[in-house]
Amino acid sequence: MSIEERSRRRRARIEVHRAESFEEAEAWDLDYWQRRTPEERLSALVAIRKDVALANAARARLEESAE
C-alpha cells in the first residue's frame, strides 16, 4: 500500500470536533471513547504505551550522550 493510500484511509477514519469549552471537549471525548469497542480502546492504550516507551528510550539515549 502506498503512502498516499494510507493517508487517504487515515483521513477517512479521523473523527474531529471543535469544542467551545473544556467541559464540552471532555464530554465529547468521553462520548467518543464510549462509542469505541473494547478492542479499539485496548489497541489505543497499547499504541500509547508503545509511544511512551519510545519517548523514554529516546530521552535515555539523549541523557547518556550528554554525559
N, C-alpha and C. Protein backbone atom coordinates (compact mmCIF):
# COMPACT_ATOMS: atom_id res chain seq x y z
N MET A 1 0.85 -1.17 0.00
CA MET A 1 0.00 0.00 0.00
C MET A 1 0.90 1.24 0.00
N SER A 2 0.59 2.19 -0.83
CA SER A 2 1.40 3.41 -0.93
C SER A 2 1.10 4.36 0.22
N ILE A 3 2.00 5.30 0.42
CA ILE A 3 1.79 6.30 1.47
C ILE A 3 0.56 7.13 1.17
N GLU A 4 0.29 7.39 -0.09
CA GLU A 4 -0.90 8.16 -0.46
C GLU A 4 -2.17 7.40 -0.08
N GLU A 5 -2.18 6.10 -0.33
CA GLU A 5 -3.35 5.28 0.02
C GLU A 5 -3.53 5.22 1.54
N ARG A 6 -2.43 5.03 2.28
CA ARG A 6 -2.53 5.02 3.74
C ARG A 6 -3.05 6.35 4.25
N SER A 7 -2.56 7.45 3.68
CA SER A 7 -3.01 8.79 4.09
C SER A 7 -4.50 8.97 3.81
N ARG A 8 -4.95 8.53 2.64
CA ARG A 8 -6.36 8.65 2.29
C ARG A 8 -7.23 7.87 3.26
N ARG A 9 -6.81 6.64 3.57
CA ARG A 9 -7.58 5.82 4.51
C ARG A 9 -7.60 6.43 5.91
N ARG A 10 -6.47 6.95 6.36
CA ARG A 10 -6.41 7.57 7.68
C ARG A 10 -7.33 8.78 7.76
N ARG A 11 -7.30 9.63 6.72
CA ARG A 11 -8.18 10.81 6.71
C ARG A 11 -9.65 10.40 6.74
N ALA A 12 -9.99 9.29 6.11
CA ALA A 12 -11.37 8.82 6.11
C ALA A 12 -11.81 8.35 7.49
N ARG A 13 -10.86 7.91 8.32
CA ARG A 13 -11.19 7.40 9.67
C ARG A 13 -11.19 8.48 10.75
N ILE A 14 -10.51 9.57 10.52
CA ILE A 14 -10.35 10.59 11.56
C ILE A 14 -11.69 11.23 11.89
N GLU A 15 -11.94 11.36 13.17
CA GLU A 15 -13.16 12.00 13.66
C GLU A 15 -12.74 13.20 14.49
N VAL A 16 -13.27 14.38 14.15
CA VAL A 16 -12.86 15.60 14.84
C VAL A 16 -14.06 16.31 15.44
N HIS A 17 -13.76 17.21 16.35
CA HIS A 17 -14.79 18.03 16.98
C HIS A 17 -14.13 19.31 17.49
N ARG A 18 -14.79 20.43 17.33
CA ARG A 18 -14.30 21.69 17.86
C ARG A 18 -15.18 22.07 19.04
N ALA A 19 -14.58 22.11 20.21
CA ALA A 19 -15.33 22.39 21.43
C ALA A 19 -15.25 23.87 21.77
N GLU A 20 -16.29 24.36 22.39
CA GLU A 20 -16.34 25.75 22.83
C GLU A 20 -15.80 25.92 24.26
N SER A 21 -15.62 24.80 24.96
CA SER A 21 -15.12 24.88 26.33
C SER A 21 -14.42 23.57 26.67
N PHE A 22 -13.67 23.59 27.77
CA PHE A 22 -13.02 22.37 28.24
C PHE A 22 -14.06 21.32 28.62
N GLU A 23 -15.15 21.78 29.22
CA GLU A 23 -16.20 20.85 29.63
C GLU A 23 -16.81 20.15 28.41
N GLU A 24 -17.06 20.91 27.36
CA GLU A 24 -17.62 20.33 26.14
C GLU A 24 -16.63 19.34 25.51
N ALA A 25 -15.35 19.71 25.52
CA ALA A 25 -14.33 18.82 24.97
C ALA A 25 -14.26 17.52 25.76
N GLU A 26 -14.33 17.63 27.08
CA GLU A 26 -14.28 16.44 27.92
C GLU A 26 -15.50 15.54 27.68
N ALA A 27 -16.68 16.15 27.54
CA ALA A 27 -17.90 15.38 27.28
C ALA A 27 -17.81 14.67 25.93
N TRP A 28 -17.30 15.38 24.91
CA TRP A 28 -17.16 14.77 23.59
C TRP A 28 -16.15 13.62 23.63
N ASP A 29 -15.05 13.83 24.33
CA ASP A 29 -14.03 12.79 24.45
C ASP A 29 -14.60 11.53 25.12
N LEU A 30 -15.33 11.73 26.20
CA LEU A 30 -15.96 10.59 26.89
C LEU A 30 -16.92 9.87 25.95
N ASP A 31 -17.76 10.62 25.24
CA ASP A 31 -18.70 10.01 24.30
C ASP A 31 -17.95 9.25 23.20
N TYR A 32 -16.88 9.84 22.69
CA TYR A 32 -16.08 9.19 21.64
C TYR A 32 -15.59 7.82 22.11
N TRP A 33 -14.95 7.79 23.28
CA TRP A 33 -14.37 6.53 23.76
C TRP A 33 -15.44 5.52 24.15
N GLN A 34 -16.60 5.98 24.60
CA GLN A 34 -17.67 5.05 24.93
C GLN A 34 -18.27 4.42 23.68
N ARG A 35 -18.14 5.09 22.53
CA ARG A 35 -18.62 4.52 21.28
C ARG A 35 -17.63 3.52 20.66
N ARG A 36 -16.42 3.48 21.17
CA ARG A 36 -15.41 2.54 20.66
C ARG A 36 -15.64 1.18 21.28
N THR A 37 -15.22 0.13 20.57
CA THR A 37 -15.32 -1.23 21.11
C THR A 37 -14.20 -1.44 22.13
N PRO A 38 -14.34 -2.43 22.99
CA PRO A 38 -13.26 -2.74 23.92
C PRO A 38 -11.94 -3.00 23.18
N GLU A 39 -12.01 -3.65 22.03
CA GLU A 39 -10.80 -3.93 21.26
C GLU A 39 -10.14 -2.65 20.77
N GLU A 40 -10.95 -1.69 20.32
CA GLU A 40 -10.40 -0.41 19.85
C GLU A 40 -9.76 0.37 21.01
N ARG A 41 -10.41 0.34 22.17
CA ARG A 41 -9.85 1.04 23.32
C ARG A 41 -8.53 0.40 23.76
N LEU A 42 -8.50 -0.92 23.77
CA LEU A 42 -7.26 -1.62 24.16
C LEU A 42 -6.16 -1.34 23.15
N SER A 43 -6.48 -1.34 21.88
CA SER A 43 -5.50 -1.04 20.84
C SER A 43 -4.93 0.36 21.01
N ALA A 44 -5.78 1.33 21.33
CA ALA A 44 -5.32 2.70 21.56
C ALA A 44 -4.39 2.75 22.77
N LEU A 45 -4.74 2.04 23.83
CA LEU A 45 -3.89 2.02 25.03
C LEU A 45 -2.53 1.41 24.71
N VAL A 46 -2.51 0.32 23.97
CA VAL A 46 -1.24 -0.31 23.60
C VAL A 46 -0.40 0.65 22.76
N ALA A 47 -1.03 1.35 21.82
CA ALA A 47 -0.29 2.30 20.98
C ALA A 47 0.30 3.43 21.83
N ILE A 48 -0.45 3.92 22.80
CA ILE A 48 0.05 4.98 23.68
C ILE A 48 1.23 4.47 24.50
N ARG A 49 1.12 3.26 25.04
CA ARG A 49 2.22 2.69 25.82
C ARG A 49 3.48 2.52 24.99
N LYS A 50 3.32 2.12 23.72
CA LYS A 50 4.47 1.99 22.83
C LYS A 50 5.10 3.36 22.58
N ASP A 51 4.27 4.38 22.35
CA ASP A 51 4.79 5.73 22.13
C ASP A 51 5.55 6.23 23.35
N VAL A 52 5.02 5.97 24.55
CA VAL A 52 5.69 6.40 25.78
C VAL A 52 7.03 5.67 25.92
N ALA A 53 7.06 4.38 25.63
CA ALA A 53 8.31 3.62 25.71
C ALA A 53 9.34 4.17 24.73
N LEU A 54 8.92 4.50 23.52
CA LEU A 54 9.84 5.07 22.54
C LEU A 54 10.37 6.42 23.01
N ALA A 55 9.50 7.25 23.56
CA ALA A 55 9.92 8.57 24.05
C ALA A 55 10.90 8.42 25.22
N ASN A 56 10.61 7.50 26.12
CA ASN A 56 11.52 7.28 27.26
C ASN A 56 12.87 6.76 26.79
N ALA A 57 12.89 5.87 25.81
CA ALA A 57 14.15 5.36 25.29
C ALA A 57 14.95 6.47 24.61
N ALA A 58 14.28 7.32 23.85
CA ALA A 58 14.96 8.44 23.20
C ALA A 58 15.53 9.40 24.24
N ARG A 59 14.79 9.66 25.30
CA ARG A 59 15.26 10.54 26.37
C ARG A 59 16.49 9.93 27.05
N ALA A 60 16.45 8.64 27.30
CA ALA A 60 17.60 7.97 27.94
C ALA A 60 18.84 8.05 27.05
N ARG A 61 18.65 7.88 25.73
CA ARG A 61 19.79 7.99 24.81
C ARG A 61 20.36 9.37 24.84
N LEU A 62 19.51 10.38 24.87
CA LEU A 62 19.98 11.77 24.93
C LEU A 62 20.75 12.04 26.21
N GLU A 63 20.23 11.55 27.32
CA GLU A 63 20.90 11.76 28.61
C GLU A 63 22.24 11.05 28.64
N GLU A 64 22.32 9.86 28.05
CA GLU A 64 23.59 9.13 28.00
C GLU A 64 24.60 9.85 27.15
N SER A 65 24.17 10.42 26.03
CA SER A 65 25.10 11.10 25.14
C SER A 65 25.57 12.44 25.72
N ALA A 66 24.80 12.98 26.66
CA ALA A 66 25.17 14.27 27.28
C ALA A 66 26.20 14.08 28.40
N GLU A 67 26.37 12.86 28.86
CA GLU A 67 27.30 12.60 29.98
C GLU A 67 28.72 12.58 29.54
